Amino acid sequence: MQSSATFRNIKGDLVNLESVPATQLKNAFSSVLDQAAHNGAVAIMRHNQPRAVLMSYEEFMSLAKLRSPELGDLTSQFDALLAGMQSAKSKKGAKAAFNATPTELGRAAVKAAKKR
């Protein structure tokens, strides 16, 4: 078995993603499944190229949760963004933008574009 990549598992550890040939998966599915369940994931190789990953249910649920944050997590993120917009510096910047002339807005846009 060869190592094809590294990944951060559900525990936060950086681990090697072990790989198995597709023929081994076909011929010994149960043992490869046990390996994925134990190690978190296994890369399935075909013609020495990674083609798929078989992962444990726990790893899958961890990834799925990252893509679907809970309402409480989103509320916390929103509250942090809102607090940042309520700072004195942000309020001053918003007031200046709303009171700026078209020429001043154009100059500010050009200046910001040059920074990138």
PDB file of N, CA and C in Angstrom:
ATOM      1  N   MET A   1       0.831  -1.171   0.000  1.00  0.00           N
ATOM      2  CA  MET A   1       0.000   0.000   0.000  1.00  0.00           C
ATOM      3  C   MET A   1       0.883   1.245   0.000  1.00  0.00           C
ATOM      4  N   GLN A   2       0.489   2.248  -0.776  1.00  0.00           N
ATOM      5  CA  GLN A   2       1.273   3.474  -0.838  1.00  0.00           C
ATOM      6  C   GLN A   2       0.456   4.646  -0.313  1.00  0.00           C
ATOM      7  N   SER A   3       1.132   5.666   0.136  1.00  0.00           N
ATOM      8  CA  SER A   3       0.458   6.857   0.622  1.00  0.00           C
ATOM      9  C   SER A   3       0.326   7.839  -0.526  1.00  0.00           C
ATOM     10  N   SER A   4      -0.874   8.384  -0.743  1.00  0.00           N
ATOM     11  CA  SER A   4      -1.083   9.271  -1.879  1.00  0.00           C
ATOM     12  C   SER A   4      -1.231  10.733  -1.489  1.00  0.00           C
ATOM     13  N   ALA A   5      -1.682  11.018  -0.274  1.00  0.00           N
ATOM     14  CA  ALA A   5      -1.898  12.400   0.136  1.00  0.00           C
ATOM     15  C   ALA A   5      -2.040  12.441   1.653  1.00  0.00           C
ATOM     16  N   THR A   6      -2.120  13.648   2.169  1.00  0.00           N
ATOM     17  CA  THR A   6      -2.397  13.826   3.587  1.00  0.00           C
ATOM     18  C   THR A   6      -3.705  14.584   3.729  1.00  0.00           C
ATOM     19  N   PHE A   7      -4.372  14.402   4.852  1.00  0.00           N
ATOM     20  CA  PHE A   7      -5.594  15.144   5.138  1.00  0.00           C
ATOM     21  C   PHE A   7      -5.734  15.303   6.639  1.00  0.00           C
ATOM     22  N   ARG A   8      -6.526  16.289   7.039  1.00  0.00           N
ATOM     23  CA  ARG A   8      -6.776  16.522   8.452  1.00  0.00           C
ATOM     24  C   ARG A   8      -8.043  15.758   8.825  1.00  0.00           C
ATOM     25  N   ASN A   9      -7.892  14.797   9.713  1.00  0.00           N
ATOM     26  CA  ASN A   9      -9.026  13.946  10.060  1.00  0.00           C
ATOM     27  C   ASN A   9      -9.966  14.646  11.042  1.00  0.00           C
ATOM     28  N   ILE A  10     -11.003  13.952  11.435  1.00  0.00           N
ATOM     29  CA  ILE A  10     -12.027  14.513  12.310  1.00  0.00           C
ATOM     30  C   ILE A  10     -11.462  14.968  13.650  1.00  0.00           C
ATOM     31  N   LYS A  11     -10.363  14.368  14.081  1.00  0.00           N
ATOM     32  CA  LYS A  11      -9.717  14.748  15.342  1.00  0.00           C
ATOM     33  C   LYS A  11      -8.803  15.960  15.170  1.00  0.00           C
ATOM     34  N   GLY A  12      -8.585  16.372  13.912  1.00  0.00           N
ATOM     35  CA  GLY A  12      -7.704  17.500  13.641  1.00  0.00           C
ATOM     36  C   GLY A  12      -6.273  17.100  13.379  1.00  0.00           C
ATOM     37  N   ASP A  13      -6.001  15.790  13.363  1.00  0.00           N
ATOM     38  CA  ASP A  13      -4.645  15.309  13.114  1.00  0.00           C
ATOM     39  C   ASP A  13      -4.369  15.267  11.614  1.00  0.00           C
ATOM     40  N   LEU A  14      -3.176  15.635  11.225  1.00  0.00           N
ATOM     41  CA  LEU A  14      -2.756  15.521   9.829  1.00  0.00           C
ATOM     42  C   LEU A  14      -2.242  14.101   9.624  1.00  0.00           C
ATOM     43  N   VAL A  15      -2.938  13.337   8.787  1.00  0.00           N
ATOM     44  CA  VAL A  15      -2.605  11.922   8.598  1.00  0.00           C
ATOM     45  C   VAL A  15      -2.425  11.610   7.119  1.00  0.00           C
ATOM     46  N   ASN A  16      -1.694  10.544   6.856  1.00  0.00           N
ATOM     47  CA  ASN A  16      -1.525  10.076   5.486  1.00  0.00           C
ATOM     48  C   ASN A  16      -2.782   9.365   5.032  1.00  0.00           C
ATOM     49  N   LEU A  17      -3.210   9.669   3.844  1.00  0.00           N
ATOM     50  CA  LEU A  17      -4.347   8.979   3.245  1.00  0.00           C
ATOM     51  C   LEU A  17      -3.795   7.756   2.533  1.00  0.00           C
ATOM     52  N   GLU A  18      -4.043   6.617   3.112  1.00  0.00           N
ATOM     53  CA  GLU A  18      -3.555   5.377   2.504  1.00  0.00           C
ATOM     54  C   GLU A  18      -4.330   5.107   1.223  1.00  0.00           C
ATOM     55  N   SER A  19      -3.697   4.418   0.304  1.00  0.00           N
ATOM     56  CA  SER A  19      -4.361   4.122  -0.960  1.00  0.00           C
ATOM     57  C   SER A  19      -4.322   2.628  -1.232  1.00  0.00           C
ATOM     58  N   VAL A  20      -5.332   2.186  -1.955  1.00  0.00           N
ATOM     59  CA  VAL A  20      -5.418   0.786  -2.361  1.00  0.00           C
ATOM     60  C   VAL A  20      -5.813   0.735  -3.825  1.00  0.00           C
ATOM     61  N   PRO A  21      -5.313  -0.252  -4.550  1.00  0.00           N
ATOM     62  CA  PRO A  21      -5.734  -0.404  -5.946  1.00  0.00           C
ATOM     63  C   PRO A  21      -7.212  -0.781  -6.026  1.00  0.00           C
ATOM     64  N   ALA A  22      -7.862  -0.378  -7.095  1.00  0.00           N
ATOM     65  CA  ALA A  22      -9.278  -0.689  -7.280  1.00  0.00           C
ATOM     66  C   ALA A  22      -9.513  -2.201  -7.284  1.00  0.00           C
ATOM     67  N   THR A  23      -8.559  -2.968  -7.788  1.00  0.00           N
ATOM     68  CA  THR A  23      -8.733  -4.426  -7.788  1.00  0.00           C
ATOM     69  C   THR A  23      -8.763  -4.984  -6.372  1.00  0.00           C
ATOM     70  N   GLN A  24      -7.976  -4.377  -5.461  1.00  0.00           N
ATOM     71  CA  GLN A  24      -8.014  -4.827  -4.063  1.00  0.00           C
ATOM     72  C   GLN A  24      -9.368  -4.493  -3.445  1.00  0.00           C
ATOM     73  N   LEU A  25      -9.904  -3.334  -3.788  1.00  0.00           N
ATOM     74  CA  LEU A  25     -11.226  -2.978  -3.292  1.00  0.00           C
ATOM     75  C   LEU A  25     -12.252  -3.995  -3.772  1.00  0.00           C
ATOM     76  N   LYS A  26     -12.160  -4.366  -5.034  1.00  0.00           N
ATOM     77  CA  LYS A  26     -13.105  -5.328  -5.607  1.00  0.00           C
ATOM     78  C   LYS A  26     -12.960  -6.708  -4.958  1.00  0.00           C
ATOM     79  N   ASN A  27     -11.726  -7.136  -4.749  1.00  0.00           N
ATOM     80  CA  ASN A  27     -11.479  -8.485  -4.244  1.00  0.00           C
ATOM     81  C   ASN A  27     -11.551  -8.607  -2.724  1.00  0.00           C
ATOM     82  N   ALA A  28     -11.326  -7.518  -2.015  1.00  0.00           N
ATOM     83  CA  ALA A  28     -11.304  -7.576  -0.550  1.00  0.00           C
ATOM     84  C   ALA A  28     -12.032  -6.366   0.036  1.00  0.00           C
ATOM     85  N   PHE A  29     -13.255  -6.157  -0.426  1.00  0.00           N
ATOM     86  CA  PHE A  29     -14.001  -4.971  -0.024  1.00  0.00           C
ATOM     87  C   PHE A  29     -14.120  -4.848   1.492  1.00  0.00           C
ATOM     88  N   SER A  30     -14.401  -5.927   2.158  1.00  0.00           N
ATOM     89  CA  SER A  30     -14.606  -5.893   3.603  1.00  0.00           C
ATOM     90  C   SER A  30     -13.374  -5.370   4.342  1.00  0.00           C
ATOM     91  N   SER A  31     -12.208  -5.827   3.955  1.00  0.00           N
ATOM     92  CA  SER A  31     -10.995  -5.373   4.648  1.00  0.00           C
ATOM     93  C   SER A  31     -10.682  -3.912   4.324  1.00  0.00           C
ATOM     94  N   VAL A  32     -10.948  -3.480   3.090  1.00  0.00           N
ATOM     95  CA  VAL A  32     -10.728  -2.068   2.737  1.00  0.00           C
ATOM     96  C   VAL A  32     -11.738  -1.194   3.467  1.00  0.00           C
ATOM     97  N   LEU A  33     -12.968  -1.658   3.586  1.00  0.00           N
ATOM     98  CA  LEU A  33     -13.990  -0.927   4.331  1.00  0.00           C
ATOM     99  C   LEU A  33     -13.577  -0.793   5.795  1.00  0.00           C
ATOM    100  N   ASP A  34     -13.079  -1.863   6.381  1.00  0.00           N
ATOM    101  CA  ASP A  34     -12.598  -1.806   7.769  1.00  0.00           C
ATOM    102  C   ASP A  34     -11.442  -0.822   7.908  1.00  0.00           C
ATOM    103  N   GLN A  35     -10.559  -0.812   6.922  1.00  0.00           N
ATOM    104  CA  GLN A  35      -9.424   0.114   6.939  1.00  0.00           C
ATOM    105  C   GLN A  35      -9.912   1.561   6.885  1.00  0.00           C
ATOM    106  N   ALA A  36     -10.882   1.841   6.030  1.00  0.00           N
ATOM    107  CA  ALA A  36     -11.430   3.195   5.932  1.00  0.00           C
ATOM    108  C   ALA A  36     -12.116   3.588   7.240  1.00  0.00           C
ATOM    109  N   ALA A  37     -12.865   2.669   7.813  1.00  0.00           N
ATOM    110  CA  ALA A  37     -13.543   2.958   9.077  1.00  0.00           C
ATOM    111  C   ALA A  37     -12.533   3.227  10.193  1.00  0.00           C
ATOM    112  N   HIS A  38     -11.432   2.499  10.186  1.00  0.00           N
ATOM    113  CA  HIS A  38     -10.413   2.654  11.230  1.00  0.00           C
ATOM    114  C   HIS A  38      -9.563   3.906  11.018  1.00  0.00           C
ATOM    115  N   ASN A  39      -9.140   4.156   9.780  1.00  0.00           N
ATOM    116  CA  ASN A  39      -8.223   5.270   9.488  1.00  0.00           C
ATOM    117  C   ASN A  39      -8.932   6.559   9.093  1.00  0.00           C
ATOM    118  N   GLY A  40     -10.229   6.505   8.848  1.00  0.00           N
ATOM    119  CA  GLY A  40     -10.960   7.704   8.440  1.00  0.00           C
ATOM    120  C   GLY A  40     -11.252   7.736   6.962  1.00  0.00           C
ATOM    121  N   ALA A  41     -10.289   7.302   6.128  1.00  0.00           N
ATOM    122  CA  ALA A  41     -10.487   7.327   4.679  1.00  0.00           C
ATOM    123  C   ALA A  41      -9.396   6.513   3.992  1.00  0.00           C
ATOM    124  N   VAL A  42      -9.714   6.078   2.777  1.00  0.00           N
ATOM    125  CA  VAL A  42      -8.775   5.340   1.936  1.00  0.00           C
ATOM    126  C   VAL A  42      -8.961   5.830   0.512  1.00  0.00           C
ATOM    127  N   ALA A  43      -7.865   6.129  -0.166  1.00  0.00           N
ATOM    128  CA  ALA A  43      -7.936   6.520  -1.577  1.00  0.00           C
ATOM    129  C   ALA A  43      -7.966   5.267  -2.439  1.00  0.00           C
ATOM    130  N   ILE A  44      -8.844   5.252  -3.417  1.00  0.00           N
ATOM    131  CA  ILE A  44      -8.944   4.130  -4.344  1.00  0.00           C
ATOM    132  C   ILE A  44      -8.205   4.529  -5.620  1.00  0.00           C
ATOM    133  N   MET A  45      -7.215   3.724  -5.987  1.00  0.00           N
ATOM    134  CA  MET A  45      -6.354   4.025  -7.134  1.00  0.00           C
ATOM    135  C   MET A  45      -6.751   3.171  -8.337  1.00  0.00           C
ATOM    136  N   ARG A  46      -6.652   3.768  -9.495  1.00  0.00           N
ATOM    137  CA  ARG A  46      -6.842   3.031 -10.740  1.00  0.00           C
ATOM    138  C   ARG A  46      -5.774   3.518 -11.702  1.00  0.00           C
ATOM    139  N   HIS A  47      -4.978   2.593 -12.204  1.00  0.00           N
ATOM    140  CA  HIS A  47      -3.844   2.921 -13.080  1.00  0.00           C
ATOM    141  C   HIS A  47      -2.924   3.945 -12.407  1.00  0.00           C
ATOM    142  N   ASN A  48      -2.652   3.708 -11.118  1.00  0.00           N
ATOM    143  CA  ASN A  48      -1.763   4.544 -10.303  1.00  0.00           C
ATOM    144  C   ASN A  48      -2.227   5.994 -10.153  1.00  0.00           C
ATOM    145  N   GLN A  49      -3.499   6.237 -10.355  1.00  0.00           N
ATOM    146  CA  GLN A  49      -4.076   7.572 -10.180  1.00  0.00           C
ATOM    147  C   GLN A  49      -5.226   7.490  -9.173  1.00  0.00           C
ATOM    148  N   PRO A  50      -5.303   8.427  -8.234  1.00  0.00           N
ATOM    149  CA  PRO A  50      -6.435   8.408  -7.304  1.00  0.00           C
ATOM    150  C   PRO A  50      -7.736   8.684  -8.059  1.00  0.00           C
ATOM    151  N   ARG A  51      -8.733   7.827  -7.851  1.00  0.00           N
ATOM    152  CA  ARG A  51     -10.006   7.978  -8.563  1.00  0.00           C
ATOM    153  C   ARG A  51     -11.171   8.261  -7.627  1.00  0.00           C
ATOM    154  N   ALA A  52     -11.062   7.818  -6.380  1.00  0.00           N
ATOM    155  CA  ALA A  52     -12.153   8.004  -5.422  1.00  0.00           C
ATOM    156  C   ALA A  52     -11.604   7.871  -4.015  1.00  0.00           C
ATOM    157  N   VAL A  53     -12.432   8.225  -3.053  1.00  0.00           N
ATOM    158  CA  VAL A  53     -12.066   8.069  -1.649  1.00  0.00           C
ATOM    159  C   VAL A  53     -13.219   7.365  -0.941  1.00  0.00           C
ATOM    160  N   LEU A  54     -12.892   6.341  -0.212  1.00  0.00           N
ATOM    161  CA  LEU A  54     -13.844   5.645   0.643  1.00  0.00           C
ATOM    162  C   LEU A  54     -13.568   6.136   2.055  1.00  0.00           C
ATOM    163  N   MET A  55     -14.593   6.738   2.684  1.00  0.00           N
ATOM    164  CA  MET A  55     -14.356   7.311   4.009  1.00  0.00           C
ATOM    165  C   MET A  55     -15.334   6.772   5.026  1.00  0.00           C
ATOM    166  N   SER A  56     -14.933   6.896   6.280  1.00  0.00           N
ATOM    167  CA  SER A  56     -15.802   6.458   7.371  1.00  0.00           C
ATOM    168  C   SER A  56     -17.019   7.374   7.448  1.00  0.00           C
ATOM    169  N   TYR A  57     -18.056   6.861   8.060  1.00  0.00           N
ATOM    170  CA  TYR A  57     -19.275   7.644   8.235  1.00  0.00           C
ATOM    171  C   TYR A  57     -19.008   8.886   9.086  1.00  0.00           C
ATOM    172  N   GLU A  58     -18.167   8.745  10.099  1.00  0.00           N
ATOM    173  CA  GLU A  58     -17.844   9.883  10.966  1.00  0.00           C
ATOM    174  C   GLU A  58     -17.149  10.993  10.188  1.00  0.00           C
ATOM    175  N   GLU A  59     -16.201  10.616   9.314  1.00  0.00           N
ATOM    176  CA  GLU A  59     -15.517  11.627   8.496  1.00  0.00           C
ATOM    177  C   GLU A  59     -16.510  12.312   7.555  1.00  0.00           C
ATOM    178  N   PHE A  60     -17.392  11.524   6.955  1.00  0.00           N
ATOM    179  CA  PHE A  60     -18.395  12.088   6.058  1.00  0.00           C
ATOM    180  C   PHE A  60     -19.285  13.088   6.790  1.00  0.00           C
ATOM    181  N   MET A  61     -19.772  12.723   7.961  1.00  0.00           N
ATOM    182  CA  MET A  61     -20.639  13.621   8.718  1.00  0.00           C
ATOM    183  C   MET A  61     -19.910  14.902   9.120  1.00  0.00           C
ATOM    184  N   SER A  62     -18.627  14.784   9.431  1.00  0.00           N
ATOM    185  CA  SER A  62     -17.834  15.958   9.768  1.00  0.00           C
ATOM    186  C   SER A  62     -17.737  16.907   8.575  1.00  0.00           C
ATOM    187  N   LEU A  63     -17.500  16.364   7.387  1.00  0.00           N
ATOM    188  CA  LEU A  63     -17.448  17.191   6.175  1.00  0.00           C
ATOM    189  C   LEU A  63     -18.810  17.782   5.843  1.00  0.00           C
ATOM    190  N   ALA A  64     -19.862  16.988   5.987  1.00  0.00           N
ATOM    191  CA  ALA A  64     -21.208  17.466   5.694  1.00  0.00           C
ATOM    192  C   ALA A  64     -21.591  18.618   6.618  1.00  0.00           C
ATOM    193  N   LYS A  65     -21.174  18.540   7.868  1.00  0.00           N
ATOM    194  CA  LYS A  65     -21.484  19.604   8.825  1.00  0.00           C
ATOM    195  C   LYS A  65     -20.793  20.911   8.426  1.00  0.00           C
ATOM    196  N   LEU A  66     -19.587  20.818   7.896  1.00  0.00           N
ATOM    197  CA  LEU A  66     -18.884  22.021   7.451  1.00  0.00           C
ATOM    198  C   LEU A  66     -19.621  22.724   6.321  1.00  0.00           C
ATOM    199  N   ARG A  67     -20.279  21.959   5.481  1.00  0.00           N
ATOM    200  CA  ARG A  67     -21.013  22.540   4.353  1.00  0.00           C
ATOM    201  C   ARG A  67     -22.394  23.019   4.745  1.00  0.00           C
ATOM    202  N   SER A  68     -22.894  22.598   5.876  1.00  0.00           N
ATOM    203  CA  SER A  68     -24.229  22.968   6.333  1.00  0.00           C
ATOM    204  C   SER A  68     -24.166  23.451   7.773  1.00  0.00           C
ATOM    205  N   PRO A  69     -23.643  24.664   7.983  1.00  0.00           N
ATOM    206  CA  PRO A  69     -23.520  25.132   9.364  1.00  0.00           C
ATOM    207  C   PRO A  69     -24.892  25.276  10.017  1.00  0.00           C
ATOM    208  N   GLU A  70     -24.917  25.079  11.304  1.00  0.00           N
ATOM    209  CA  GLU A  70     -26.161  25.201  12.054  1.00  0.00           C
ATOM    210  C   GLU A  70     -26.506  26.673  12.241  1.00  0.00           C
ATOM    211  N   LEU A  71     -27.769  26.939  12.494  1.00  0.00           N
ATOM    212  CA  LEU A  71     -28.252  28.300  12.643  1.00  0.00           C
ATOM    213  C   LEU A  71     -27.493  29.063  13.723  1.00  0.00           C
ATOM    214  N   GLY A  72     -27.168  28.402  14.815  1.00  0.00           N
ATOM    215  CA  GLY A  72     -26.427  29.062  15.895  1.00  0.00           C
ATOM    216  C   GLY A  72     -25.055  29.525  15.439  1.00  0.00           C
ATOM    217  N   ASP A  73     -24.393  28.705  14.601  1.00  0.00           N
ATOM    218  CA  ASP A  73     -23.081  29.092  14.076  1.00  0.00           C
ATOM    219  C   ASP A  73     -23.208  30.305  13.159  1.00  0.00           C
ATOM    220  N   LEU A  74     -24.233  30.290  12.299  1.00  0.00           N
ATOM    221  CA  LEU A  74     -24.444  31.419  11.394  1.00  0.00           C
ATOM    222  C   LEU A  74     -24.808  32.685  12.161  1.00  0.00           C
ATOM    223  N   THR A  75     -25.581  32.539  13.216  1.00  0.00           N
ATOM    224  CA  THR A  75     -25.948  33.696  14.043  1.00  0.00           C
ATOM    225  C   THR A  75     -24.708  34.319  14.663  1.00  0.00           C
ATOM    226  N   SER A  76     -23.803  33.493  15.143  1.00  0.00           N
ATOM    227  CA  SER A  76     -22.563  34.001  15.740  1.00  0.00           C
ATOM    228  C   SER A  76     -21.730  34.740  14.707  1.00  0.00           C
ATOM    229  N   GLN A  77     -21.640  34.183  13.503  1.00  0.00           N
ATOM    230  CA  GLN A  77     -20.878  34.840  12.433  1.00  0.00           C
ATOM    231  C   GLN A  77     -21.515  36.181  12.064  1.00  0.00           C
ATOM    232  N   PHE A  78     -22.841  36.201  11.951  1.00  0.00           N
ATOM    233  CA  PHE A  78     -23.549  37.440  11.629  1.00  0.00           C
ATOM    234  C   PHE A  78     -23.325  38.491  12.709  1.00  0.00           C
ATOM    235  N   ASP A  79     -23.442  38.085  13.969  1.00  0.00           N
ATOM    236  CA  ASP A  79     -23.253  39.024  15.072  1.00  0.00           C
ATOM    237  C   ASP A  79     -21.847  39.623  15.055  1.00  0.00           C
ATOM    238  N   ALA A  80     -20.843  38.809  14.736  1.00  0.00           N
ATOM    239  CA  ALA A  80     -19.462  39.308  14.670  1.00  0.00           C
ATOM    240  C   ALA A  80     -19.304  40.310  13.520  1.00  0.00           C
ATOM    241  N   LEU A  81     -19.886  39.999  12.368  1.00  0.00           N
ATOM    242  CA  LEU A  81     -19.816  40.934  11.237  1.00  0.00           C
ATOM    243  C   LEU A  81     -20.537  42.239  11.562  1.00  0.00           C
ATOM    244  N   LEU A  82     -21.715  42.139  12.167  1.00  0.00           N
ATOM    245  CA  LEU A  82     -22.487  43.332  12.523  1.00  0.00           C
ATOM    246  C   LEU A  82     -21.723  44.189  13.525  1.00  0.00           C
ATOM    247  N   ALA A  83     -21.097  43.561  14.500  1.00  0.00           N
ATOM    248  CA  ALA A  83     -20.323  44.314  15.487  1.00  0.00           C
ATOM    249  C   ALA A  83     -19.178  45.069  14.813  1.00  0.00           C
ATOM    250  N   GLY A  84     -18.543  44.431  13.837  1.00  0.00           N
ATOM    251  CA  GLY A  84     -17.467  45.101  13.104  1.00  0.00           C
ATOM    252  C   GLY A  84     -17.957  46.302  12.320  1.00  0.00           C
ATOM    253  N   MET A  85     -19.183  46.211  11.807  1.00  0.00           N
ATOM    254  CA  MET A  85     -19.744  47.331  11.039  1.00  0.00           C
ATOM    255  C   MET A  85     -20.209  48.467  11.948  1.00  0.00           C
ATOM    256  N   GLN A  86     -20.350  48.206  13.231  1.00  0.00           N
ATOM    257  CA  GLN A  86     -20.813  49.219  14.172  1.00  0.00           C
ATOM    258  C   GLN A  86     -19.658  49.985  14.823  1.00  0.00           C
ATOM    259  N   SER A  87     -18.432  49.688  14.439  1.00  0.00           N
ATOM    260  CA  SER A  87     -17.291  50.383  15.035  1.00  0.00           C
ATOM    261  C   SER A  87     -17.263  51.839  14.566  1.00  0.00           C
ATOM    262  N   ALA A  88     -16.576  52.653  15.323  1.00  0.00           N
ATOM    263  CA  ALA A  88     -16.475  54.077  14.984  1.00  0.00           C
ATOM    264  C   ALA A  88     -15.825  54.264  13.611  1.00  0.00           C
ATOM    265  N   LYS A  89     -14.807  53.461  13.316  1.00  0.00           N
ATOM    266  CA  LYS A  89     -14.111  53.572  12.026  1.00  0.00           C
ATOM    267  C   LYS A  89     -15.054  53.223  10.870  1.00  0.00           C
ATOM    268  N   SER A  90     -15.846  52.176  11.049  1.00  0.00           N
ATOM    269  CA  SER A  90     -16.789  51.776   9.996  1.00  0.00           C
ATOM    270  C   SER A  90     -17.861  52.829   9.793  1.00  0.00           C
ATOM    271  N   LYS A  91     -18.373  53.364  10.886  1.00  0.00           N
ATOM    272  CA  LYS A  91     -19.406  54.403  10.783  1.00  0.00           C
ATOM    273  C   LYS A  91     -18.863  55.643  10.075  1.00  0.00           C
ATOM    274  N   LYS A  92     -17.635  56.007  10.403  1.00  0.00           N
ATOM    275  CA  LYS A  92     -17.011  57.176   9.773  1.00  0.00           C
ATOM    276  C   LYS A  92     -16.836  56.938   8.276  1.00  0.00           C
ATOM    277  N   GLY A  93     -16.404  55.726   7.899  1.00  0.00           N
ATOM    278  CA  GLY A  93     -16.222  55.395   6.489  1.00  0.00           C
ATOM    279  C   GLY A  93     -17.533  55.399   5.724  1.00  0.00           C
ATOM    280  N   ALA A  94     -18.586  54.853   6.319  1.00  0.00           N
ATOM    281  CA  ALA A  94     -19.894  54.835   5.664  1.00  0.00           C
ATOM    282  C   ALA A  94     -20.423  56.257   5.481  1.00  0.00           C
ATOM    283  N   LYS A  95     -20.264  57.077   6.502  1.00  0.00           N
ATOM    284  CA  LYS A  95     -20.731  58.468   6.401  1.00  0.00           C
ATOM    285  C   LYS A  95     -19.972  59.199   5.300  1.00  0.00           C
ATOM    286  N   ALA A  96     -18.663  58.989   5.225  1.00  0.00           N
ATOM    287  CA  ALA A  96     -17.857  59.641   4.186  1.00  0.00           C
ATOM    288  C   ALA A  96     -18.284  59.164   2.798  1.00  0.00           C
ATOM    289  N   ALA A  97     -18.581  57.882   2.648  1.00  0.00           N
ATOM    290  CA  ALA A  97     -18.995  57.358   1.345  1.00  0.00           C
ATOM    291  C   ALA A  97     -20.335  57.935   0.919  1.00  0.00           C
ATOM    292  N   PHE A  98     -21.276  58.019   1.840  1.00  0.00           N
ATOM    293  CA  PHE A  98     -22.596  58.552   1.489  1.00  0.00           C
ATOM    294  C   PHE A  98     -22.560  60.047   1.197  1.00  0.00           C
ATOM    295  N   ASN A  99     -21.612  60.755   1.787  1.00  0.00           N
ATOM    296  CA  ASN A  99     -21.512  62.192   1.575  1.00  0.00           C
ATOM    297  C   ASN A  99     -20.533  62.568   0.465  1.00  0.00           C
ATOM    298  N   ALA A 100     -19.877  61.592  -0.133  1.00  0.00           N
ATOM    299  CA  ALA A 100     -18.867  61.862  -1.162  1.00  0.00           C
ATOM    300  C   ALA A 100     -19.524  62.277  -2.475  1.00  0.00           C
ATOM    301  N   THR A 101     -18.802  63.102  -3.200  1.00  0.00           N
ATOM    302  CA  THR A 101     -19.261  63.481  -4.540  1.00  0.00           C
ATOM    303  C   THR A 101     -18.922  62.357  -5.510  1.00  0.00           C
ATOM    304  N   PRO A 102     -19.540  62.351  -6.687  1.00  0.00           N
ATOM    305  CA  PRO A 102     -19.186  61.331  -7.683  1.00  0.00           C
ATOM    306  C   PRO A 102     -17.688  61.326  -8.015  1.00  0.00           C
ATOM    307  N   THR A 103     -17.077  62.477  -8.067  1.00  0.00           N
ATOM    308  CA  THR A 103     -15.642  62.558  -8.362  1.00  0.00           C
ATOM    309  C   THR A 103     -14.827  61.906  -7.246  1.00  0.00           C
ATOM    310  N   GLU A 104     -15.189  62.169  -6.003  1.00  0.00           N
ATOM    311  CA  GLU A 104     -14.482  61.575  -4.870  1.00  0.00           C
ATOM    312  C   GLU A 104     -14.653  60.047  -4.855  1.00  0.00           C
ATOM    313  N   LEU A 105     -15.857  59.578  -5.166  1.00  0.00           N
ATOM    314  CA  LEU A 105     -16.078  58.136  -5.243  1.00  0.00           C
ATOM    315  C   LEU A 105     -15.240  57.511  -6.348  1.00  0.00           C
ATOM    316  N   GLY A 106     -15.142  58.192  -7.490  1.00  0.00           N
ATOM    317  CA  GLY A 106     -14.332  57.690  -8.604  1.00  0.00           C
ATOM    318  C   GLY A 106     -12.864  57.587  -8.210  1.00  0.00           C
ATOM    319  N   ARG A 107     -12.339  58.637  -7.562  1.00  0.00           N
ATOM    320  CA  ARG A 107     -10.943  58.607  -7.120  1.00  0.00           C
ATOM    321  C   ARG A 107     -10.699  57.465  -6.133  1.00  0.00           C
ATOM    322  N   ALA A 108     -11.628  57.273  -5.206  1.00  0.00           N
ATOM    323  CA  ALA A 108     -11.486  56.204  -4.215  1.00  0.00           C
ATOM    324  C   ALA A 108     -11.519  54.823  -4.892  1.00  0.00           C
ATOM    325  N   ALA A 109     -12.365  54.673  -5.902  1.00  0.00           N
ATOM    326  CA  ALA A 109     -12.449  53.398  -6.625  1.00  0.00           C
ATOM    327  C   ALA A 109     -11.167  53.111  -7.369  1.00  0.00           C
ATOM    328  N   VAL A 110     -10.600  54.118  -8.021  1.00  0.00           N
ATOM    329  CA  VAL A 110      -9.342  53.943  -8.740  1.00  0.00           C
ATOM    330  C   VAL A 110      -8.208  53.602  -7.764  1.00  0.00           C
ATOM    331  N   LYS A 111      -8.185  54.291  -6.639  1.00  0.00           N
ATOM    332  CA  LYS A 111      -7.158  54.024  -5.632  1.00  0.00           C
ATOM    333  C   LYS A 111      -7.271  52.596  -5.105  1.00  0.00           C
ATOM    334  N   ALA A 112      -8.483  52.155  -4.838  1.00  0.00           N
ATOM    335  CA  ALA A 112      -8.674  50.784  -4.345  1.00  0.00           C
ATOM    336  C   ALA A 112      -8.283  49.752  -5.393  1.00  0.00           C
ATOM    337  N   ALA A 113      -8.589  50.030  -6.651  1.00  0.00           N
ATOM    338  CA  ALA A 113      -8.259  49.100  -7.731  1.00  0.00           C
ATOM    339  C   ALA A 113      -6.745  48.990  -7.903  1.00  0.00           C
ATOM    340  N   LYS A 114      -6.031  50.074  -7.709  1.00  0.00           N
ATOM    341  CA  LYS A 114      -4.570  50.064  -7.857  1.00  0.00           C
ATOM    342  C   LYS A 114      -3.910  49.244  -6.753  1.00  0.00           C
ATOM    343  N   LYS A 115      -4.527  49.182  -5.583  1.00  0.00           N
ATOM    344  CA  LYS A 115      -3.964  48.398  -4.472  1.00  0.00           C
ATOM    345  C   LYS A 115      -3.962  46.917  -4.787  1.00  0.00           C
ATOM    346  N   ARG A 116      -4.896  46.455  -5.602  1.00  0.00           N
ATOM    347  CA  ARG A 116      -4.969  45.033  -5.943  1.00  0.00           C
ATOM    348  C   ARG A 116      -3.944  44.720  -6.972  1.00  0.00           C
TER     349      ARG A 116
END
